[in-house]
Amino acid sequence: MALELRPGCECCDRDLPPESLEAYVCTFECTFCLSCCQTRLNFVCPNCGGELVRRPVRPAALLTKHPATTKRILKPEGCQGLEAGA
């Protein structure tokens, strides 16, 4: 089973295309941008408490057979008050 490669950050809704090097995920594939990970989340998933790591990039040749999902998840209220150092 392949990663979904969700298209946006759950906190700020920033676009994170499949080739993005600034997409971070937890083991449940909750997806966040690098900026939110650094400034709000301290690289900890606000949904499960798991570590957020850089999402691997799927080779472009495989995106046809295994496309990224278009389903967006946005939960900005779940990212409030989690600023790094808070």
Protein backbone atom coordinates (compact mmCIF):
# COMPACT_ATOMS: atom_id res chain seq x y z
CA MET A 1 0.00 0.00 0.00
CA ALA A 2 1.40 3.39 -1.01
CA LEU A 3 1.33 6.63 0.96
CA GLU A 4 -1.64 8.86 0.10
CA LEU A 5 0.59 11.90 -0.52
CA ARG A 6 -2.05 14.31 0.78
CA PRO A 7 -2.12 17.62 -1.10
CA GLY A 8 -1.95 20.17 1.71
CA CYS A 9 -0.94 21.11 5.24
CA GLU A 10 -3.58 20.32 7.88
CA CYS A 11 -2.72 23.53 9.77
CA CYS A 12 -2.38 26.25 7.13
CA ASP A 13 -3.70 24.55 3.95
CA ARG A 14 -0.44 25.26 2.08
CA ASP A 15 -0.19 23.21 -1.10
CA LEU A 16 2.17 20.23 -0.78
CA PRO A 17 2.44 18.58 -4.20
CA PRO A 18 3.83 15.03 -4.44
CA GLU A 19 7.32 16.33 -5.27
CA SER A 20 7.49 18.71 -2.29
CA LEU A 21 10.51 18.42 -0.02
CA GLU A 22 8.65 20.46 2.62
CA ALA A 23 5.91 17.92 3.40
CA TYR A 24 6.07 16.14 6.77
CA VAL A 25 3.98 13.17 7.93
CA CYS A 26 3.41 11.00 10.99
CA THR A 27 2.79 7.25 10.87
CA PHE A 28 -0.91 7.91 10.25
CA GLU A 29 -0.07 10.17 7.26
CA CYS A 30 -1.26 13.36 8.94
CA THR A 31 0.44 15.92 6.71
CA PHE A 32 1.99 19.28 7.57
CA CYS A 33 4.32 21.79 5.93
CA LEU A 34 7.84 22.45 7.16
CA SER A 35 6.92 25.93 8.39
CA CYS A 36 4.11 24.65 10.63
CA CYS A 37 6.33 21.82 11.89
CA GLN A 38 9.03 24.31 12.87
CA THR A 39 6.94 27.18 14.25
CA ARG A 40 3.81 25.54 15.64
CA LEU A 41 4.23 21.80 16.10
CA ASN A 42 7.84 21.22 17.16
CA PHE A 43 7.80 18.23 14.77
CA VAL A 44 5.12 16.46 16.89
CA CYS A 45 1.79 15.50 15.30
CA PRO A 46 -1.06 17.34 17.08
CA ASN A 47 -3.42 14.46 16.24
CA CYS A 48 -1.54 11.45 17.59
CA GLY A 49 1.55 12.83 19.34
CA GLY A 50 3.84 10.98 16.94
CA GLU A 51 7.01 12.23 15.32
CA LEU A 52 6.69 14.23 12.09
CA VAL A 53 9.29 13.28 9.47
CA ARG A 54 9.88 14.39 5.90
CA ARG A 55 7.54 12.66 3.50
CA PRO A 56 9.36 10.70 0.79
CA VAL A 57 8.95 11.82 -2.80
CA ARG A 58 7.31 9.31 -5.11
CA PRO A 59 9.15 9.06 -8.44
CA ALA A 60 7.23 10.93 -11.14
CA ALA A 61 7.10 7.81 -13.31
CA LEU A 62 5.09 6.01 -10.61
CA LEU A 63 2.56 8.81 -10.03
CA THR A 64 0.52 7.65 -13.02
CA LYS A 65 0.05 4.17 -11.59
CA HIS A 66 -0.11 5.34 -7.94
CA PRO A 67 -1.43 8.93 -7.99
CA ALA A 68 -1.48 11.23 -4.98
CA THR A 69 -4.85 11.75 -3.31
CA THR A 70 -6.80 14.95 -3.91
CA LYS A 71 -8.56 14.71 -0.52
CA ARG A 72 -7.66 17.75 1.58
CA ILE A 73 -7.78 17.73 5.38
CA LEU A 74 -7.76 21.07 7.18
CA LYS A 75 -7.86 21.35 10.97
CA PRO A 76 -6.38 24.76 11.82
CA GLU A 77 -8.10 24.70 15.22
CA GLY A 78 -6.08 21.59 16.08
CA CYS A 79 -2.84 23.47 15.49
CA GLN A 80 -3.53 26.46 17.73
CA GLY A 81 -1.49 26.99 20.87
CA LEU A 82 1.21 24.53 19.86
CA GLU A 83 3.85 27.10 18.94
CA ALA A 84 7.40 25.86 19.44
CA GLY A 85 8.63 26.63 22.91
CA ALA A 86 5.10 27.07 24.30
